[in-house]
Amino acid sequence: MKKNMGAIDRTIRTLLAIVMAILVLAGVVKGTLAYILVILTIIFLATSLAGFCPLYVPLGLSTLGKKKTEG
């Protein structure tokens, strides 16, 4: 599993997951939408921590910047 997410992508996903969790825990979002947000929160946190998004693979995407070579 090769990383394909950059720092900005990971930060945005983490912040979105925090916001979604707060909305659910505060009772702002209820019912089916709350369950969907909980699932998305788990997915966003897992992909952010791993630095890998499976959806990016078939789409050929990567937000990981190119490494600078010394020399």
C-alpha atoms as a PDB file:
ATOM      1  CA  MET A   1       0.000   0.000   0.000  1.00  0.00           C
ATOM      2  CA  LYS A   2       1.826   3.053  -1.295  1.00  0.00           C
ATOM      3  CA  LYS A   3       0.881   6.404   0.231  1.00  0.00           C
ATOM      4  CA  ASN A   4      -1.057   8.664  -2.125  1.00  0.00           C
ATOM      5  CA  MET A   5      -2.241  11.478   0.169  1.00  0.00           C
ATOM      6  CA  GLY A   6      -0.390  14.679   0.918  1.00  0.00           C
ATOM      7  CA  ALA A   7      -0.337  16.614   4.180  1.00  0.00           C
ATOM      8  CA  ILE A   8      -3.019  19.103   3.125  1.00  0.00           C
ATOM      9  CA  ASP A   9      -5.380  16.321   2.019  1.00  0.00           C
ATOM     10  CA  ARG A  10      -4.847  14.465   5.299  1.00  0.00           C
ATOM     11  CA  THR A  11      -5.400  17.629   7.351  1.00  0.00           C
ATOM     12  CA  ILE A  12      -8.630  18.496   5.536  1.00  0.00           C
ATOM     13  CA  ARG A  13      -9.969  14.960   6.011  1.00  0.00           C
ATOM     14  CA  THR A  14      -9.129  15.042   9.715  1.00  0.00           C
ATOM     15  CA  LEU A  15     -10.813  18.422  10.200  1.00  0.00           C
ATOM     16  CA  LEU A  16     -13.917  17.275   8.312  1.00  0.00           C
ATOM     17  CA  ALA A  17     -14.061  14.128  10.438  1.00  0.00           C
ATOM     18  CA  ILE A  18     -13.880  16.216  13.619  1.00  0.00           C
ATOM     19  CA  VAL A  19     -16.659  18.530  12.413  1.00  0.00           C
ATOM     20  CA  MET A  20     -18.873  15.589  11.414  1.00  0.00           C
ATOM     21  CA  ALA A  21     -18.290  13.880  14.777  1.00  0.00           C
ATOM     22  CA  ILE A  22     -19.199  17.074  16.638  1.00  0.00           C
ATOM     23  CA  LEU A  23     -22.407  17.443  14.606  1.00  0.00           C
ATOM     24  CA  VAL A  24     -23.463  13.899  15.449  1.00  0.00           C
ATOM     25  CA  LEU A  25     -22.434  14.022  19.124  1.00  0.00           C
ATOM     26  CA  ALA A  26     -24.142  17.388  19.648  1.00  0.00           C
ATOM     27  CA  GLY A  27     -27.365  16.002  18.184  1.00  0.00           C
ATOM     28  CA  VAL A  28     -27.466  18.498  15.329  1.00  0.00           C
ATOM     29  CA  VAL A  29     -27.677  15.630  12.847  1.00  0.00           C
ATOM     30  CA  LYS A  30     -29.940  12.692  13.642  1.00  0.00           C
ATOM     31  CA  GLY A  31     -31.318   9.565  12.059  1.00  0.00           C
ATOM     32  CA  THR A  32     -29.974   8.017   8.894  1.00  0.00           C
ATOM     33  CA  LEU A  33     -27.792  11.013   8.086  1.00  0.00           C
ATOM     34  CA  ALA A  34     -26.075  10.645  11.462  1.00  0.00           C
ATOM     35  CA  TYR A  35     -25.182   7.024  10.669  1.00  0.00           C
ATOM     36  CA  ILE A  36     -23.816   8.067   7.282  1.00  0.00           C
ATOM     37  CA  LEU A  37     -21.710  10.789   8.910  1.00  0.00           C
ATOM     38  CA  VAL A  38     -20.336   8.328  11.467  1.00  0.00           C
ATOM     39  CA  ILE A  39     -19.282   5.970   8.669  1.00  0.00           C
ATOM     40  CA  LEU A  40     -17.695   8.838   6.728  1.00  0.00           C
ATOM     41  CA  THR A  41     -15.927  10.024   9.875  1.00  0.00           C
ATOM     42  CA  ILE A  42     -14.386   6.589  10.386  1.00  0.00           C
ATOM     43  CA  ILE A  43     -13.343   6.375   6.726  1.00  0.00           C
ATOM     44  CA  PHE A  44     -11.841   9.865   6.723  1.00  0.00           C
ATOM     45  CA  LEU A  45      -9.869   9.224   9.921  1.00  0.00           C
ATOM     46  CA  ALA A  46      -8.640   5.812   8.747  1.00  0.00           C
ATOM     47  CA  THR A  47      -7.490   7.064   5.342  1.00  0.00           C
ATOM     48  CA  SER A  48      -5.931  10.141   6.912  1.00  0.00           C
ATOM     49  CA  LEU A  49      -3.948   8.101   9.418  1.00  0.00           C
ATOM     50  CA  ALA A  50      -2.842   5.608   6.766  1.00  0.00           C
ATOM     51  CA  GLY A  51      -2.037   8.276   4.178  1.00  0.00           C
ATOM     52  CA  PHE A  52      -3.717   6.099   1.572  1.00  0.00           C
ATOM     53  CA  CYS A  53      -7.051   6.541  -0.206  1.00  0.00           C
ATOM     54  CA  PRO A  54      -8.256   3.425  -2.084  1.00  0.00           C
ATOM     55  CA  LEU A  55     -10.544   5.552  -4.270  1.00  0.00           C
ATOM     56  CA  TYR A  56      -7.533   7.420  -5.662  1.00  0.00           C
ATOM     57  CA  VAL A  57      -5.998   4.221  -7.112  1.00  0.00           C
ATOM     58  CA  PRO A  58      -8.511   3.467  -9.909  1.00  0.00           C
ATOM     59  CA  LEU A  59      -8.770   7.181 -10.658  1.00  0.00           C
ATOM     60  CA  GLY A  60      -4.990   7.519 -10.891  1.00  0.00           C
ATOM     61  CA  LEU A  61      -4.942  10.389  -8.399  1.00  0.00           C
ATOM     62  CA  SER A  62      -2.368  11.356  -5.815  1.00  0.00           C
ATOM     63  CA  THR A  63      -2.134  14.454  -3.655  1.00  0.00           C
ATOM     64  CA  LEU A  64       1.287  13.450  -2.448  1.00  0.00           C
ATOM     65  CA  GLY A  65       3.819  16.000  -3.647  1.00  0.00           C
ATOM     66  CA  LYS A  66       6.878  14.939  -5.581  1.00  0.00           C
ATOM     67  CA  LYS A  67       9.929  14.347  -3.430  1.00  0.00           C
ATOM     68  CA  LYS A  68      12.773  16.766  -3.956  1.00  0.00           C
ATOM     69  CA  THR A  69      16.028  15.044  -4.750  1.00  0.00           C
ATOM     70  CA  GLU A  70      19.224  16.313  -3.224  1.00  0.00           C
ATOM     71  CA  GLY A  71      22.210  16.769  -5.414  1.00  0.00           C
END
